[in-house]
Amino acid sequence: MVRNTSANKNGLPKAQFVIFSLCLFILQFVNHVDAAFGNKKRKVKELEEEQALKTQEAFDAEEAAANEMRRTLGITYSSVALFFTVVFIFAFNKMFKLEKDNSENRGVVVTEKPLAGNRPAATLDVVIVGCGLPKRGMGWYHLIQLLEMENVNIRGVVEPFFMNPALCPNKPASFEEFETTTSKLGVQFVKSVEELGTFKKKTLCLIAGRTTDNPKLFAQCLANGSSYIYLEKPGAPTVSDLKDMKSRADIMGAKVYLGYNKNVTPYVTKALAKAKTIKGSSISFVHNNSYKEKELAECFERNAEGMLKNMAIHELALLVTFFGVTVETITDFEVVKDRKYSQKLTFGKFTDFSKVAFQITTNAGNTVAVQANRCGGNVSWATVVDAQKNEVAKFEFPDADTQAKVDAQTKADPEMMPYFFVQSGDYQELKDRVVDACITGKEADGVATITVAVEALRLAEYVTEKLKKAL
């Protein structure tokens, strides 16, 4: 609330003036009541005179009753006056104390507790760049989780498409409703980063726009003063774009992390640990999505950068990070051409892979296999095999218990992208690590940097060409 402590025309502080006015009102009220009963007394007297012929006993009884009434009312008036006097003295002291305590903060908005998302006192400001539709956009889901993180303040949401009337004259109902609700939490929605004003404190920009828009959005965030950037994979449509973005960040002294959640997911961590205990072992990563084939046209269009740069890029980042795979270190590349494992489809003007399977061997002797299937379901896994290719262990995600919960969540909210439910914990873990690194100035443990992202994107372009030729 805003507290106005200006003085009134009589020179009194507002609180004191209010108390003084109320006390005058009570005194006037008591006088009016007393006057009313005085009139009643006169009427009683006139009636007594008119009835002078009545017996003296009746007159005495009437007079006694009147006296008793006056005595009782007198006690009541005194009690009421005393009660209100005590109440107003207490209120006066309380308000005077508040006035005194806040004499140096007049006109300031005071709230007992910041609303979720609007925490100006937090060390780190966060800006979401590229929100997308509720229950569909990755930026939207990141925002939902960030709103509950008490160590950050949501500085604003930049939505270049839906917030731009020239591009989107009529906002989708779901987005408009979400904007209205979230704005009430103190979160500002704008169409460009510049509208938020130059960042004055440590700010993390989480960029989750379309891949083709990311280089431009990235440059805007750096120019606006962003000191940290969380960039959704793959970061840019081409290797040259991503290299240019890395150079810009280096010049500006900004740290850039990529949203490769498989780097921190438990089933991958367990598989890597198991493989280290077995001589000559190798790992096969299987990544599934739960699209239906009739939904692939929309999927291909929305992820126009292609499956290797969009879906399987997570596994490629694992290959770069943990197996030393780069374009230069590959000595052997094999494609599984069976249509049950690898398939290329065309919907309208968009051609992409619906599923792929391949194996890579490096000059260091590391062998690792990757499978990805847009319509393979919700469960992904990592299989560890020994030197004789016998399966030693298989780590699935989600496991049976988690899958049961995901199935229930999907049934309860069929509009939500199922992988949000499946990977929710990974997304939160990544943001926790990045936010902690931004606040403390330390490195985000296990999180992919833009350097890793450049190599993963180079690998994606290499693998895409190999698959196109093979299929």
Protein backbone atom coordinates (compact mmCIF):
# COMPACT_ATOMS: atom_id res chain seq x y z
CA MET A 1 0.00 0.00 0.00
CA VAL A 2 1.10 3.58 -0.40
CA ARG A 3 1.10 5.54 2.86
CA ASN A 4 0.43 9.29 2.50
CA THR A 5 1.85 11.17 5.46
CA SER A 6 1.38 14.72 4.18
CA ALA A 7 0.04 17.32 6.65
CA ASN A 8 -3.53 18.76 6.34
CA LYS A 9 -4.40 22.40 5.98
CA ASN A 10 -4.35 22.88 9.79
CA GLY A 11 -0.72 21.71 9.92
CA LEU A 12 -1.50 18.43 11.71
CA PRO A 13 -0.13 15.09 10.45
CA LYS A 14 -2.86 13.15 8.75
CA ALA A 15 -3.08 10.39 11.39
CA GLN A 16 -3.42 12.89 14.25
CA PHE A 17 -6.01 14.90 12.34
CA VAL A 18 -8.14 11.77 11.81
CA ILE A 19 -8.05 10.89 15.55
CA PHE A 20 -8.92 14.47 16.56
CA SER A 21 -11.89 14.53 14.15
CA LEU A 22 -13.25 11.24 15.46
CA CYS A 23 -13.06 12.40 19.08
CA LEU A 24 -15.06 15.58 18.21
CA PHE A 25 -17.65 13.42 16.49
CA ILE A 26 -18.14 11.25 19.60
CA LEU A 27 -18.52 14.28 21.88
CA GLN A 28 -21.12 15.80 19.54
CA PHE A 29 -22.95 12.47 19.45
CA VAL A 30 -23.13 12.33 23.27
CA ASN A 31 -24.41 15.95 23.43
CA HIS A 32 -27.15 15.22 20.87
CA VAL A 33 -28.30 12.18 22.83
CA ASP A 34 -28.34 14.14 26.06
CA ALA A 35 -30.31 16.93 24.41
CA ALA A 36 -32.83 14.41 23.10
CA PHE A 37 -33.40 13.01 26.55
CA GLY A 38 -33.66 16.57 27.92
CA ASN A 39 -36.58 17.20 25.55
CA LYS A 40 -38.16 14.01 26.78
CA LYS A 41 -37.83 15.28 30.35
CA ARG A 42 -39.65 18.51 29.51
CA LYS A 43 -42.47 16.62 27.85
CA VAL A 44 -42.79 14.43 30.94
CA LYS A 45 -42.98 17.55 33.09
CA GLU A 46 -45.72 19.10 30.92
CA LEU A 47 -47.67 15.87 31.11
CA GLU A 48 -47.29 15.89 34.86
CA GLU A 49 -48.67 19.44 35.02
CA GLU A 50 -51.66 18.49 32.85
CA GLN A 51 -52.34 15.61 35.20
CA ALA A 52 -52.00 17.68 38.38
CA LEU A 53 -55.36 16.41 39.46
CA LYS A 54 -53.99 12.91 39.71
CA THR A 55 -52.97 11.58 43.03
CA GLN A 56 -49.62 12.50 44.55
CA GLU A 57 -48.71 8.79 44.71
CA ALA A 58 -48.87 8.45 40.92
CA PHE A 59 -46.71 11.54 40.44
CA ASP A 60 -44.09 10.24 42.87
CA ALA A 61 -43.92 6.91 41.07
CA GLU A 62 -43.47 8.60 37.69
CA GLU A 63 -40.76 10.87 39.02
CA ALA A 64 -38.93 7.95 40.62
CA ALA A 65 -38.98 6.03 37.36
CA ALA A 66 -37.63 9.04 35.47
CA ASN A 67 -34.82 9.50 37.94
CA GLU A 68 -33.86 5.84 37.67
CA MET A 69 -33.77 6.10 33.86
CA ARG A 70 -31.54 9.18 33.98
CA ARG A 71 -29.17 7.47 36.40
CA THR A 72 -28.90 4.36 34.21
CA LEU A 73 -28.41 6.37 31.02
CA GLY A 74 -25.77 8.47 32.70
CA ILE A 75 -23.81 5.36 33.59
CA THR A 76 -24.20 4.06 29.99
CA TYR A 77 -23.00 7.36 28.44
CA SER A 78 -19.99 7.36 30.69
CA SER A 79 -19.13 3.73 29.88
CA VAL A 80 -19.43 4.29 26.13
CA ALA A 81 -17.37 7.46 26.27
CA LEU A 82 -14.70 5.74 28.36
CA PHE A 83 -14.58 2.76 25.99
CA PHE A 84 -14.13 4.89 22.87
CA THR A 85 -11.58 7.07 24.61
CA VAL A 86 -9.42 4.04 25.46
CA VAL A 87 -9.75 2.64 21.93
CA PHE A 88 -8.79 5.90 20.25
CA ILE A 89 -5.88 6.53 22.60
CA PHE A 90 -4.52 3.08 21.69
CA ALA A 91 -5.12 3.66 17.97
CA PHE A 92 -3.54 7.09 18.16
CA ASN A 93 -0.39 5.73 19.79
CA LYS A 94 -0.19 2.87 17.27
CA MET A 95 -0.60 5.12 14.26
CA PHE A 96 1.76 7.72 15.67
CA LYS A 97 4.39 5.00 16.10
CA LEU A 98 3.89 3.84 12.52
CA GLU A 99 4.14 7.40 11.27
CA LYS A 100 7.37 7.84 13.20
CA ASP A 101 8.84 4.52 12.06
CA ASN A 102 8.09 5.27 8.41
CA SER A 103 8.91 8.98 8.41
CA GLU A 104 11.86 8.32 6.11
CA ASN A 105 9.91 6.04 3.72
CA ARG A 106 6.90 8.15 2.85
CA GLY A 107 5.25 7.38 -0.45
CA VAL A 108 6.96 3.97 -0.76
CA VAL A 109 4.92 0.89 -1.70
CA VAL A 110 5.12 -1.60 1.15
CA THR A 111 4.31 -5.30 0.71
CA GLU A 112 4.67 -7.92 3.40
CA LYS A 113 5.80 -10.69 1.03
CA PRO A 114 6.91 -10.50 -2.64
CA LEU A 115 4.64 -12.26 -5.10
CA ALA A 116 5.94 -15.44 -6.73
CA GLY A 117 8.31 -14.46 -9.52
CA ASN A 118 8.58 -10.83 -8.46
CA ARG A 119 11.45 -10.82 -5.98
CA PRO A 120 13.41 -7.59 -6.58
CA ALA A 121 15.72 -8.25 -3.62
CA ALA A 122 17.00 -11.50 -5.20
CA THR A 123 20.66 -11.46 -6.27
CA LEU A 124 19.96 -12.70 -9.79
CA ASP A 125 17.50 -11.29 -12.30
CA VAL A 126 16.21 -13.75 -14.94
CA VAL A 127 14.67 -12.88 -18.30
CA ILE A 128 12.82 -15.47 -20.38
CA VAL A 129 13.37 -14.85 -24.09
CA GLY A 130 10.93 -16.86 -26.21
CA CYS A 131 8.06 -18.07 -24.09
CA GLY A 132 5.92 -19.92 -26.63
CA LEU A 133 2.49 -21.35 -25.99
CA PRO A 134 1.47 -22.66 -22.57
CA LYS A 135 1.95 -26.42 -22.28
CA ARG A 136 3.82 -26.46 -25.61
CA GLY A 137 6.76 -24.08 -25.45
CA MET A 138 10.03 -24.91 -23.70
CA GLY A 139 10.38 -21.30 -22.57
CA TRP A 140 6.95 -21.47 -20.96
CA TYR A 141 7.92 -24.56 -18.96
CA HIS A 142 11.19 -23.00 -17.82
CA LEU A 143 9.22 -19.96 -16.65
CA ILE A 144 6.78 -22.12 -14.67
CA GLN A 145 9.68 -23.66 -12.75
CA LEU A 146 11.56 -20.39 -12.30
CA LEU A 147 8.52 -18.71 -10.78
CA GLU A 148 8.89 -21.05 -7.80
CA MET A 149 12.64 -20.50 -7.33
CA GLU A 150 13.10 -18.11 -4.42
CA ASN A 151 16.70 -17.16 -5.28
CA VAL A 152 15.79 -15.45 -8.57
CA ASN A 153 13.67 -12.52 -9.66
CA ILE A 154 11.80 -12.83 -12.97
CA ARG A 155 12.78 -9.52 -14.57
CA GLY A 156 10.53 -10.03 -17.58
CA VAL A 157 9.27 -12.26 -20.39
CA VAL A 158 10.22 -11.45 -23.97
CA GLU A 159 7.91 -13.03 -26.53
CA PRO A 160 8.90 -11.71 -30.00
CA PHE A 161 5.92 -13.24 -31.82
CA PHE A 162 2.79 -13.27 -29.67
CA MET A 163 3.57 -9.87 -28.12
CA ASN A 164 4.12 -8.23 -31.52
CA PRO A 165 0.79 -7.06 -33.05
CA ALA A 166 2.41 -6.75 -36.47
CA LEU A 167 3.29 -10.45 -36.47
CA CYS A 168 0.41 -11.73 -34.34
CA PRO A 169 -2.68 -9.45 -34.51
CA ASN A 170 -4.71 -11.86 -32.36
CA LYS A 171 -2.97 -13.60 -29.48
CA PRO A 172 -3.98 -17.23 -28.90
CA ALA A 173 -6.44 -17.46 -26.01
CA SER A 174 -4.13 -19.72 -23.99
CA PHE A 175 -1.23 -17.28 -24.22
CA GLU A 176 -3.36 -14.23 -23.46
CA GLU A 177 -4.81 -15.91 -20.39
CA PHE A 178 -1.33 -16.91 -19.21
CA GLU A 179 0.00 -13.38 -19.79
CA THR A 180 -2.85 -11.88 -17.77
CA THR A 181 -2.39 -14.28 -14.87
CA THR A 182 1.40 -14.02 -14.74
CA SER A 183 1.40 -10.23 -15.09
CA LYS A 184 -0.50 -10.10 -11.79
CA LEU A 185 2.58 -11.66 -10.19
CA GLY A 186 4.59 -8.59 -11.17
CA VAL A 187 6.14 -10.14 -14.30
CA GLN A 188 6.40 -7.83 -17.31
CA PHE A 189 5.64 -9.13 -20.83
CA VAL A 190 7.26 -7.37 -23.80
CA LYS A 191 8.05 -8.07 -27.44
CA SER A 192 11.77 -7.20 -27.33
CA VAL A 193 14.66 -7.28 -24.87
CA GLU A 194 15.25 -3.54 -25.30
CA GLU A 195 11.82 -2.73 -23.85
CA LEU A 196 13.03 -3.98 -20.46
CA GLY A 197 15.72 -1.31 -20.33
CA THR A 198 19.44 -1.86 -19.84
CA PHE A 199 20.15 -4.47 -17.17
CA LYS A 200 21.51 -2.74 -14.06
CA LYS A 201 22.28 -5.85 -12.00
CA LYS A 202 23.49 -9.41 -12.60
CA THR A 203 21.10 -10.88 -15.17
CA LEU A 204 20.63 -14.34 -16.68
CA CYS A 205 18.82 -14.49 -20.01
CA LEU A 206 17.22 -17.85 -20.75
CA ILE A 207 16.78 -18.02 -24.53
CA ALA A 208 14.25 -20.60 -25.73
CA GLY A 209 13.14 -19.13 -29.04
CA ARG A 210 13.09 -20.83 -32.39
CA THR A 211 16.57 -21.98 -33.33
CA THR A 212 16.67 -19.69 -36.37
CA ASP A 213 15.91 -16.66 -34.17
CA ASN A 214 18.46 -17.46 -31.46
CA PRO A 215 21.51 -15.62 -32.95
CA LYS A 216 19.57 -12.34 -33.12
CA LEU A 217 18.04 -12.79 -29.67
CA PHE A 218 21.47 -13.73 -28.29
CA ALA A 219 23.04 -10.53 -29.63
CA GLN A 220 20.21 -8.42 -28.16
CA CYS A 221 20.68 -9.96 -24.72
CA LEU A 222 24.43 -9.27 -24.75
CA ALA A 223 23.88 -5.69 -25.94
CA ASN A 224 21.37 -5.14 -23.14
CA GLY A 225 23.90 -6.13 -20.49
CA SER A 226 23.27 -9.82 -19.84
CA SER A 227 26.18 -11.36 -17.94
CA TYR A 228 24.94 -14.96 -18.19
CA ILE A 229 23.00 -16.79 -20.88
CA TYR A 230 21.20 -20.13 -20.72
CA LEU A 231 20.71 -21.11 -24.36
CA GLU A 232 18.34 -23.87 -25.36
CA LYS A 233 19.86 -26.49 -27.61
CA PRO A 234 21.23 -26.56 -30.22
CA GLY A 235 21.81 -22.82 -29.79
CA ALA A 236 21.88 -21.80 -33.46
CA PRO A 237 20.90 -23.17 -36.88
CA THR A 238 24.49 -23.49 -38.14
CA VAL A 239 27.98 -24.00 -36.78
CA SER A 240 29.15 -20.65 -38.12
CA ASP A 241 26.28 -18.89 -36.31
CA LEU A 242 27.14 -20.56 -33.03
CA LYS A 243 30.86 -19.80 -33.42
CA ASP A 244 30.01 -16.15 -34.01
CA MET A 245 27.80 -16.14 -30.89
CA LYS A 246 30.64 -17.66 -28.84
CA SER A 247 33.02 -14.93 -30.04
CA ARG A 248 30.52 -12.21 -29.08
CA ALA A 249 30.09 -13.69 -25.61
CA ASP A 250 33.87 -13.95 -25.12
CA ILE A 251 34.31 -10.28 -26.06
CA MET A 252 31.52 -9.18 -23.70
CA GLY A 253 32.76 -11.42 -20.89
CA ALA A 254 29.46 -13.33 -20.68
CA LYS A 255 29.20 -16.98 -19.62
CA VAL A 256 27.00 -19.20 -21.82
CA TYR A 257 25.46 -22.54 -20.84
CA LEU A 258 23.39 -24.90 -22.99
CA GLY A 259 20.22 -26.73 -21.96
CA TYR A 260 21.48 -30.26 -22.56
CA ASN A 261 19.55 -32.01 -19.79
CA LYS A 262 20.94 -35.47 -20.59
CA ASN A 263 24.25 -34.26 -19.12
CA VAL A 264 22.70 -34.38 -15.65
CA THR A 265 19.96 -37.01 -15.98
CA PRO A 266 20.34 -39.93 -13.53
CA TYR A 267 20.10 -42.80 -16.02
CA VAL A 268 23.02 -41.45 -18.05
CA THR A 269 25.10 -40.79 -14.95
CA LYS A 270 24.53 -44.36 -13.76
CA ALA A 271 25.40 -45.85 -17.16
CA LEU A 272 28.64 -43.86 -17.37
CA ALA A 273 29.62 -44.96 -13.87
CA LYS A 274 28.86 -48.63 -14.66
CA ALA A 275 30.82 -48.57 -17.93
CA LYS A 276 33.94 -47.39 -16.11
CA THR A 277 33.93 -50.57 -14.05
CA ILE A 278 33.92 -52.91 -17.08
CA LYS A 279 36.99 -53.25 -19.31
CA GLY A 280 36.28 -52.82 -23.02
CA SER A 281 32.67 -51.78 -22.43
CA SER A 282 30.60 -49.49 -24.61
CA ILE A 283 27.26 -47.70 -24.26
CA SER A 284 24.23 -47.42 -26.48
CA PHE A 285 21.97 -44.40 -25.90
CA VAL A 286 18.31 -44.70 -26.93
CA HIS A 287 16.26 -41.49 -26.99
CA ASN A 288 12.49 -41.63 -27.57
CA ASN A 289 9.74 -39.04 -27.99
CA SER A 290 6.03 -39.79 -27.80
CA TYR A 291 4.74 -38.11 -30.97
CA LYS A 292 2.12 -39.91 -33.00
CA GLU A 293 2.91 -40.27 -36.70
CA LYS A 294 0.03 -37.93 -37.60
CA GLU A 295 1.74 -35.25 -35.48
CA LEU A 296 5.08 -35.46 -37.29
CA ALA A 297 4.20 -32.81 -39.89
CA GLU A 298 3.79 -30.19 -37.15
CA CYS A 299 6.87 -31.55 -35.37
CA PHE A 300 9.03 -31.27 -38.52
CA GLU A 301 7.87 -27.71 -39.14
CA ARG A 302 8.31 -26.53 -35.54
CA ASN A 303 11.76 -28.16 -35.32
CA ALA A 304 12.90 -27.25 -38.79
CA GLU A 305 16.58 -27.48 -37.83
CA GLY A 306 16.18 -31.25 -38.09
CA MET A 307 16.19 -34.24 -35.77
CA LEU A 308 19.96 -34.36 -35.30
CA LYS A 309 20.11 -30.70 -34.26
CA ASN A 310 16.94 -30.85 -32.21
CA MET A 311 16.28 -34.23 -30.60
CA ALA A 312 19.44 -36.35 -30.96
CA ILE A 313 21.65 -33.33 -30.24
CA HIS A 314 21.42 -34.31 -26.56
CA GLU A 315 23.17 -37.60 -27.25
CA LEU A 316 25.72 -35.88 -29.49
CA ALA A 317 26.55 -33.52 -26.62
CA LEU A 318 27.11 -36.60 -24.43
CA LEU A 319 29.45 -38.02 -27.07
CA VAL A 320 31.46 -34.79 -27.13
CA THR A 321 31.54 -34.40 -23.33
CA PHE A 322 32.20 -37.96 -22.16
CA PHE A 323 33.65 -39.87 -25.16
CA GLY A 324 35.84 -37.29 -26.88
CA VAL A 325 33.88 -37.53 -30.12
CA THR A 326 34.43 -34.71 -32.61
CA VAL A 327 34.32 -34.60 -36.38
CA GLU A 328 38.12 -34.96 -36.41
CA THR A 329 38.29 -37.96 -34.03
CA ILE A 330 35.81 -40.21 -35.90
CA THR A 331 37.43 -43.20 -37.60
CA ASP A 332 34.32 -45.27 -38.33
CA PHE A 333 30.64 -44.34 -38.80
CA GLU A 334 28.00 -47.03 -39.33
CA VAL A 335 24.28 -46.53 -40.08
CA VAL A 336 21.60 -49.12 -39.30
CA LYS A 337 19.62 -48.97 -42.53
CA ASP A 338 16.73 -51.20 -41.44
CA ARG A 339 13.51 -49.12 -41.63
CA LYS A 340 12.59 -50.32 -38.16
CA TYR A 341 15.48 -48.19 -36.87
CA SER A 342 16.18 -45.50 -39.47
CA GLN A 343 13.62 -43.67 -41.60
CA LYS A 344 13.40 -40.41 -43.50
CA LEU A 345 9.97 -38.84 -44.22
CA THR A 346 8.60 -35.81 -46.07
CA PHE A 347 5.58 -33.75 -45.04
CA GLY A 348 4.91 -30.87 -47.41
CA LYS A 349 8.11 -28.86 -47.73
CA PHE A 350 9.73 -30.41 -44.65
CA THR A 351 11.88 -33.55 -44.87
CA ASP A 352 13.43 -35.04 -41.76
CA PHE A 353 14.19 -38.28 -39.97
CA SER A 354 11.46 -39.87 -37.89
CA LYS A 355 14.05 -42.29 -36.43
CA VAL A 356 17.77 -42.97 -36.74
CA ALA A 357 20.34 -45.48 -35.49
CA PHE A 358 24.13 -45.26 -35.90
CA GLN A 359 27.41 -46.17 -34.24
CA ILE A 360 30.64 -44.17 -33.97
CA THR A 361 34.20 -45.29 -33.24
CA THR A 362 36.96 -42.80 -32.45
CA ASN A 363 40.71 -42.84 -32.96
CA ALA A 364 41.04 -43.40 -29.20
CA GLY A 365 39.15 -46.71 -29.54
CA ASN A 366 35.90 -45.47 -27.98
CA THR A 367 32.73 -46.96 -29.47
CA VAL A 368 29.27 -45.53 -28.75
CA ALA A 369 25.88 -46.05 -30.41
CA VAL A 370 22.88 -43.74 -30.68
CA GLN A 371 19.23 -44.40 -31.49
CA ALA A 372 16.50 -41.75 -31.66
CA ASN A 373 12.81 -42.22 -32.47
CA ARG A 374 10.21 -39.44 -32.58
CA CYS A 375 7.41 -41.99 -32.12
CA GLY A 376 9.17 -44.40 -29.76
CA GLY A 377 7.23 -43.56 -26.60
CA ASN A 378 8.18 -41.87 -23.35
CA VAL A 379 10.91 -44.23 -22.12
CA SER A 380 14.58 -43.66 -23.00
CA TRP A 381 17.52 -45.72 -21.80
CA ALA A 382 21.25 -46.37 -21.80
CA THR A 383 22.57 -49.92 -22.26
CA VAL A 384 26.05 -50.97 -21.16
CA VAL A 385 27.66 -53.93 -23.00
CA ASP A 386 30.96 -55.66 -22.40
CA ALA A 387 33.77 -56.30 -24.90
CA GLN A 388 31.85 -59.32 -26.28
CA LYS A 389 28.73 -57.14 -26.80
CA ASN A 390 26.83 -58.86 -24.01
CA GLU A 391 24.41 -56.59 -22.17
CA VAL A 392 25.64 -55.92 -18.65
CA ALA A 393 23.17 -53.31 -17.47
CA LYS A 394 20.27 -51.21 -18.72
CA PHE A 395 19.21 -47.95 -17.13
CA GLU A 396 15.79 -46.63 -18.11
CA PHE A 397 14.13 -43.31 -17.67
CA PRO A 398 11.49 -42.93 -16.58
CA ASP A 399 11.47 -46.11 -14.52
CA ALA A 400 8.24 -48.03 -13.83
CA ASP A 401 7.21 -45.93 -10.83
CA THR A 402 8.00 -42.66 -12.55
CA GLN A 403 6.26 -43.79 -15.73
CA ALA A 404 3.11 -44.60 -13.77
CA LYS A 405 3.13 -41.06 -12.40
CA VAL A 406 3.77 -39.62 -15.87
CA ASP A 407 0.91 -41.65 -17.34
CA ALA A 408 -1.42 -40.32 -14.66
CA GLN A 409 -0.23 -36.75 -15.27
CA THR A 410 -0.61 -37.11 -19.03
CA LYS A 411 -4.13 -38.48 -18.63
CA ALA A 412 -5.05 -35.65 -16.28
CA ASP A 413 -3.60 -33.01 -18.61
CA PRO A 414 -3.50 -34.33 -22.19
CA GLU A 415 -2.68 -30.88 -23.61
CA MET A 416 0.73 -30.85 -21.89
CA MET A 417 3.69 -32.12 -23.89
CA PRO A 418 4.44 -35.49 -22.21
CA TYR A 419 8.21 -34.94 -22.14
CA PHE A 420 7.67 -32.01 -19.77
CA PHE A 421 6.42 -34.50 -17.21
CA VAL A 422 9.18 -37.00 -18.02
CA GLN A 423 12.09 -34.55 -17.94
CA SER A 424 10.83 -32.07 -15.36
CA GLY A 425 13.44 -33.09 -12.78
CA ASP A 426 16.29 -32.74 -15.29
CA TYR A 427 15.15 -29.28 -16.34
CA GLN A 428 15.00 -28.18 -12.72
CA GLU A 429 18.42 -29.64 -11.93
CA LEU A 430 20.00 -27.79 -14.86
CA LYS A 431 18.49 -24.47 -13.81
CA ASP A 432 19.49 -25.03 -10.18
CA ARG A 433 23.12 -25.59 -11.22
CA VAL A 434 23.21 -22.66 -13.64
CA VAL A 435 21.54 -20.23 -11.22
CA ASP A 436 23.92 -21.29 -8.44
CA ALA A 437 26.90 -20.75 -10.76
CA CYS A 438 25.64 -17.29 -11.72
CA ILE A 439 25.18 -16.25 -8.09
CA THR A 440 28.45 -17.70 -6.75
CA GLY A 441 30.64 -17.08 -9.80
CA LYS A 442 31.67 -20.75 -9.91
CA GLU A 443 31.36 -23.18 -12.82
CA ALA A 444 28.08 -25.06 -13.30
CA ASP A 445 29.09 -28.67 -12.62
CA GLY A 446 28.38 -31.01 -15.56
CA VAL A 447 26.46 -28.42 -17.58
CA ALA A 448 27.45 -28.07 -21.24
CA THR A 449 29.14 -24.80 -22.23
CA ILE A 450 28.93 -23.10 -25.61
CA THR A 451 32.28 -24.68 -26.49
CA VAL A 452 30.74 -28.14 -26.12
CA ALA A 453 27.70 -26.92 -28.07
CA VAL A 454 29.84 -25.88 -31.04
CA GLU A 455 31.38 -29.35 -31.27
CA ALA A 456 27.99 -31.05 -30.84
CA LEU A 457 26.50 -28.94 -33.64
CA ARG A 458 29.45 -29.72 -35.91
CA LEU A 459 28.83 -33.39 -35.17
CA ALA A 460 25.10 -32.99 -35.93
CA GLU A 461 25.83 -31.59 -39.38
CA TYR A 462 28.34 -34.37 -40.04
CA VAL A 463 25.91 -37.13 -38.94
CA THR A 464 23.01 -35.62 -40.90
CA GLU A 465 24.95 -35.76 -44.14
CA LYS A 466 26.08 -39.33 -43.46
CA LEU A 467 22.49 -40.42 -42.76
CA LYS A 468 21.11 -38.72 -45.85
CA LYS A 469 23.59 -40.55 -48.05
CA ALA A 470 22.98 -43.89 -46.33
CA LEU A 471 19.15 -43.64 -46.46
